[in-house]
Amino acid sequence: MCFIFFIQAGVSELLKDQMKSLLDIFKKDPVTLVWVDKYDETELHKQFDGSKYHLVAYKPKRGRFLGYRNPDFSADSIRTFIDDVLGGGGDF
């Protein structure tokens, strides 16, 4: 499972710092957490419905994804999203 954060360079430094704390929490889980500048990688961002989502859970083998819909981007909310996806929640 891959979690992709689409961010804007410079503006999202706080978000990056929050995500670093998640790396420790999920270091033993079979997940990858990456962040991508949505303006440098516009084609990649478009593949995941563009501006609809700033975070997606992606299943590369199946080519399916689930967008994070919660406007709260705190580390706790994102952790809950990741926990739910890893626990089988979500409709891909």
N, C-alpha and C. Protein backbone atom coordinates (compact mmCIF):
# COMPACT_ATOMS: atom_id res chain seq x y z
N MET A 1 0.85 -1.16 0.00
CA MET A 1 0.00 0.00 0.00
C MET A 1 0.90 1.23 0.00
N CYS A 2 0.55 2.19 -0.80
CA CYS A 2 1.31 3.43 -0.89
C CYS A 2 0.38 4.60 -0.56
N PHE A 3 0.84 5.48 0.28
CA PHE A 3 0.09 6.69 0.60
C PHE A 3 0.86 7.87 0.00
N ILE A 4 0.19 8.59 -0.89
CA ILE A 4 0.83 9.69 -1.60
C ILE A 4 0.22 11.01 -1.14
N PHE A 5 1.07 11.90 -0.66
CA PHE A 5 0.66 13.23 -0.24
C PHE A 5 1.02 14.21 -1.36
N PHE A 6 0.04 14.89 -1.90
CA PHE A 6 0.28 15.90 -2.92
C PHE A 6 0.34 17.26 -2.23
N ILE A 7 1.53 17.84 -2.24
CA ILE A 7 1.74 19.07 -1.50
C ILE A 7 2.23 20.18 -2.44
N GLN A 8 2.32 21.37 -1.90
CA GLN A 8 2.86 22.51 -2.62
C GLN A 8 4.18 22.88 -1.96
N ALA A 9 5.23 22.97 -2.73
CA ALA A 9 6.56 23.25 -2.18
C ALA A 9 6.53 24.55 -1.38
N GLY A 10 7.21 24.53 -0.24
CA GLY A 10 7.32 25.72 0.59
C GLY A 10 6.14 25.91 1.53
N VAL A 11 4.94 25.75 1.03
CA VAL A 11 3.74 25.98 1.84
C VAL A 11 3.52 24.84 2.81
N SER A 12 3.94 23.65 2.45
CA SER A 12 3.58 22.46 3.21
C SER A 12 4.69 21.92 4.10
N GLU A 13 5.62 22.76 4.54
CA GLU A 13 6.68 22.28 5.41
C GLU A 13 6.13 21.74 6.73
N LEU A 14 5.10 22.39 7.26
CA LEU A 14 4.49 21.91 8.50
C LEU A 14 3.89 20.52 8.29
N LEU A 15 3.24 20.32 7.15
CA LEU A 15 2.67 19.01 6.84
C LEU A 15 3.77 17.96 6.76
N LYS A 16 4.88 18.28 6.15
CA LYS A 16 5.99 17.33 6.07
C LYS A 16 6.47 16.94 7.47
N ASP A 17 6.57 17.92 8.34
CA ASP A 17 7.01 17.63 9.71
C ASP A 17 6.02 16.70 10.42
N GLN A 18 4.73 16.92 10.20
CA GLN A 18 3.72 16.05 10.80
C GLN A 18 3.83 14.64 10.24
N MET A 19 4.09 14.54 8.96
CA MET A 19 4.17 13.22 8.33
C MET A 19 5.39 12.44 8.79
N LYS A 20 6.45 13.12 9.15
CA LYS A 20 7.64 12.42 9.64
C LYS A 20 7.33 11.64 10.91
N SER A 21 6.42 12.17 11.73
CA SER A 21 6.04 11.44 12.94
C SER A 21 5.29 10.16 12.57
N LEU A 22 4.57 10.18 11.46
CA LEU A 22 3.85 8.98 11.02
C LEU A 22 4.80 7.88 10.55
N LEU A 23 5.97 8.27 10.06
CA LEU A 23 6.94 7.29 9.60
C LEU A 23 7.33 6.33 10.73
N ASP A 24 7.50 6.87 11.92
CA ASP A 24 7.85 6.02 13.07
C ASP A 24 6.69 5.09 13.44
N ILE A 25 5.48 5.61 13.37
CA ILE A 25 4.31 4.81 13.75
C ILE A 25 4.11 3.62 12.82
N PHE A 26 4.31 3.83 11.52
CA PHE A 26 4.01 2.78 10.54
C PHE A 26 5.26 2.11 9.98
N LYS A 27 6.39 2.23 10.67
CA LYS A 27 7.63 1.68 10.12
C LYS A 27 7.62 0.16 10.02
N LYS A 28 6.77 -0.52 10.79
CA LYS A 28 6.71 -1.98 10.73
C LYS A 28 5.57 -2.49 9.85
N ASP A 29 4.80 -1.58 9.29
CA ASP A 29 3.68 -1.96 8.42
C ASP A 29 4.13 -1.97 6.96
N PRO A 30 3.47 -2.75 6.13
CA PRO A 30 3.84 -2.83 4.71
C PRO A 30 3.29 -1.65 3.92
N VAL A 31 3.74 -0.45 4.26
CA VAL A 31 3.26 0.76 3.59
C VAL A 31 4.44 1.63 3.18
N THR A 32 4.17 2.46 2.21
CA THR A 32 5.11 3.48 1.78
C THR A 32 4.41 4.82 1.89
N LEU A 33 5.06 5.78 2.51
CA LEU A 33 4.54 7.14 2.61
C LEU A 33 5.46 8.04 1.79
N VAL A 34 4.88 8.74 0.82
CA VAL A 34 5.66 9.65 -0.02
C VAL A 34 4.92 10.97 -0.17
N TRP A 35 5.69 12.03 -0.36
CA TRP A 35 5.05 13.29 -0.71
C TRP A 35 5.62 13.77 -2.02
N VAL A 36 4.74 14.36 -2.82
CA VAL A 36 5.05 14.78 -4.17
C VAL A 36 4.58 16.22 -4.33
N ASP A 37 5.40 17.05 -4.94
CA ASP A 37 4.98 18.42 -5.25
C ASP A 37 3.96 18.34 -6.39
N LYS A 38 2.74 18.74 -6.11
CA LYS A 38 1.67 18.60 -7.09
C LYS A 38 1.86 19.48 -8.31
N TYR A 39 2.70 20.51 -8.22
CA TYR A 39 2.95 21.38 -9.37
C TYR A 39 4.13 20.92 -10.21
N ASP A 40 5.06 20.20 -9.59
CA ASP A 40 6.17 19.62 -10.35
C ASP A 40 5.76 18.32 -11.03
N GLU A 41 4.85 17.60 -10.42
CA GLU A 41 4.41 16.29 -10.93
C GLU A 41 2.92 16.35 -11.30
N THR A 42 2.59 17.25 -12.20
CA THR A 42 1.18 17.47 -12.54
C THR A 42 0.53 16.24 -13.18
N GLU A 43 1.27 15.50 -13.99
CA GLU A 43 0.70 14.33 -14.63
C GLU A 43 0.35 13.25 -13.60
N LEU A 44 1.21 13.07 -12.63
CA LEU A 44 0.93 12.10 -11.56
C LEU A 44 -0.29 12.56 -10.76
N HIS A 45 -0.35 13.84 -10.46
CA HIS A 45 -1.48 14.39 -9.69
C HIS A 45 -2.80 14.19 -10.46
N LYS A 46 -2.78 14.38 -11.75
CA LYS A 46 -3.98 14.20 -12.58
C LYS A 46 -4.48 12.75 -12.58
N GLN A 47 -3.58 11.80 -12.45
CA GLN A 47 -3.96 10.39 -12.44
C GLN A 47 -4.82 10.03 -11.24
N PHE A 48 -4.75 10.86 -10.20
CA PHE A 48 -5.53 10.64 -8.99
C PHE A 48 -6.60 11.71 -8.83
N ASP A 49 -7.29 12.03 -9.90
CA ASP A 49 -8.38 13.02 -9.93
C ASP A 49 -7.93 14.43 -9.57
N GLY A 50 -6.69 14.75 -9.81
CA GLY A 50 -6.19 16.11 -9.67
C GLY A 50 -6.51 16.80 -8.36
N SER A 51 -7.23 17.89 -8.44
CA SER A 51 -7.41 18.75 -7.27
C SER A 51 -8.39 18.21 -6.24
N LYS A 52 -9.03 17.10 -6.49
CA LYS A 52 -9.98 16.54 -5.52
C LYS A 52 -9.31 16.12 -4.22
N TYR A 53 -8.11 15.56 -4.31
CA TYR A 53 -7.47 14.97 -3.14
C TYR A 53 -6.04 15.49 -2.95
N HIS A 54 -5.66 15.62 -1.69
CA HIS A 54 -4.29 15.98 -1.35
C HIS A 54 -3.56 14.78 -0.75
N LEU A 55 -4.30 13.71 -0.54
CA LEU A 55 -3.73 12.46 -0.02
C LEU A 55 -4.53 11.31 -0.60
N VAL A 56 -3.82 10.30 -1.12
CA VAL A 56 -4.50 9.12 -1.63
C VAL A 56 -3.80 7.87 -1.10
N ALA A 57 -4.60 6.84 -0.87
CA ALA A 57 -4.10 5.50 -0.59
C ALA A 57 -4.14 4.78 -1.92
N TYR A 58 -3.02 4.24 -2.35
CA TYR A 58 -2.91 3.66 -3.69
C TYR A 58 -2.49 2.20 -3.59
N LYS A 59 -3.23 1.35 -4.32
CA LYS A 59 -2.89 -0.06 -4.44
C LYS A 59 -2.30 -0.27 -5.82
N PRO A 60 -0.97 -0.28 -5.95
CA PRO A 60 -0.36 -0.36 -7.27
C PRO A 60 -0.69 -1.64 -8.04
N LYS A 61 -0.80 -2.77 -7.36
CA LYS A 61 -1.09 -4.02 -8.08
C LYS A 61 -2.45 -3.99 -8.75
N ARG A 62 -3.39 -3.34 -8.12
CA ARG A 62 -4.75 -3.27 -8.67
C ARG A 62 -5.01 -1.98 -9.44
N GLY A 63 -4.11 -1.00 -9.29
CA GLY A 63 -4.29 0.28 -9.97
C GLY A 63 -5.47 1.07 -9.42
N ARG A 64 -5.80 0.87 -8.15
CA ARG A 64 -6.95 1.53 -7.53
C ARG A 64 -6.47 2.45 -6.42
N PHE A 65 -7.28 3.47 -6.13
CA PHE A 65 -6.92 4.39 -5.07
C PHE A 65 -8.14 4.87 -4.32
N LEU A 66 -7.89 5.38 -3.12
CA LEU A 66 -8.92 5.94 -2.27
C LEU A 66 -8.43 7.31 -1.81
N GLY A 67 -9.20 8.34 -2.07
CA GLY A 67 -8.81 9.70 -1.69
C GLY A 67 -9.22 10.02 -0.26
N TYR A 68 -8.39 10.79 0.41
CA TYR A 68 -8.67 11.27 1.76
C TYR A 68 -9.60 12.46 1.64
N ARG A 69 -10.79 12.36 2.22
CA ARG A 69 -11.81 13.39 2.04
C ARG A 69 -11.95 14.34 3.23
N ASN A 70 -11.31 14.04 4.32
CA ASN A 70 -11.44 14.84 5.54
C ASN A 70 -10.65 16.15 5.38
N PRO A 71 -11.26 17.30 5.66
CA PRO A 71 -10.53 18.57 5.55
C PRO A 71 -9.49 18.76 6.65
N ASP A 72 -9.55 17.94 7.71
CA ASP A 72 -8.60 18.02 8.81
C ASP A 72 -7.32 17.29 8.42
N PHE A 73 -6.23 18.02 8.32
CA PHE A 73 -4.96 17.43 7.92
C PHE A 73 -4.00 17.29 9.09
N SER A 74 -4.55 17.07 10.28
CA SER A 74 -3.68 16.86 11.43
C SER A 74 -3.09 15.45 11.34
N ALA A 75 -1.98 15.25 12.02
CA ALA A 75 -1.34 13.94 12.02
C ALA A 75 -2.27 12.87 12.57
N ASP A 76 -3.08 13.21 13.57
CA ASP A 76 -4.01 12.24 14.15
C ASP A 76 -5.07 11.81 13.15
N SER A 77 -5.62 12.75 12.40
CA SER A 77 -6.65 12.41 11.41
C SER A 77 -6.08 11.57 10.28
N ILE A 78 -4.89 11.91 9.86
CA ILE A 78 -4.25 11.14 8.78
C ILE A 78 -3.88 9.75 9.29
N ARG A 79 -3.44 9.67 10.53
CA ARG A 79 -3.14 8.35 11.12
C ARG A 79 -4.40 7.48 11.15
N THR A 80 -5.52 8.06 11.52
CA THR A 80 -6.78 7.32 11.54
C THR A 80 -7.14 6.82 10.16
N PHE A 81 -6.96 7.66 9.14
CA PHE A 81 -7.22 7.27 7.75
C PHE A 81 -6.34 6.08 7.37
N ILE A 82 -5.05 6.17 7.66
CA ILE A 82 -4.12 5.10 7.31
C ILE A 82 -4.49 3.82 8.06
N ASP A 83 -4.78 3.94 9.34
CA ASP A 83 -5.19 2.77 10.14
C ASP A 83 -6.44 2.12 9.54
N ASP A 84 -7.43 2.93 9.16
CA ASP A 84 -8.66 2.40 8.57
C ASP A 84 -8.39 1.67 7.26
N VAL A 85 -7.57 2.26 6.42
CA VAL A 85 -7.25 1.62 5.13
C VAL A 85 -6.51 0.30 5.36
N LEU A 86 -5.52 0.32 6.25
CA LEU A 86 -4.76 -0.91 6.52
C LEU A 86 -5.63 -1.99 7.17
N GLY A 87 -6.67 -1.56 7.87
CA GLY A 87 -7.59 -2.49 8.50
C GLY A 87 -8.67 -3.00 7.57
N GLY A 88 -8.62 -2.61 6.30
CA GLY A 88 -9.58 -3.09 5.32
C GLY A 88 -10.73 -2.13 5.05
N GLY A 89 -10.71 -0.96 5.66
CA GLY A 89 -11.76 0.03 5.44
C GLY A 89 -11.57 0.76 4.12
N GLY A 90 -12.62 1.40 3.68
CA GLY A 90 -12.55 2.18 2.45
C GLY A 90 -13.04 1.42 1.25
N ASP A 91 -13.53 2.14 0.29
CA ASP A 91 -14.05 1.57 -0.94
C ASP A 91 -13.14 1.99 -2.10
N PHE A 92 -12.27 1.09 -2.50
CA PHE A 92 -11.31 1.39 -3.57
C PHE A 92 -11.94 1.22 -4.93
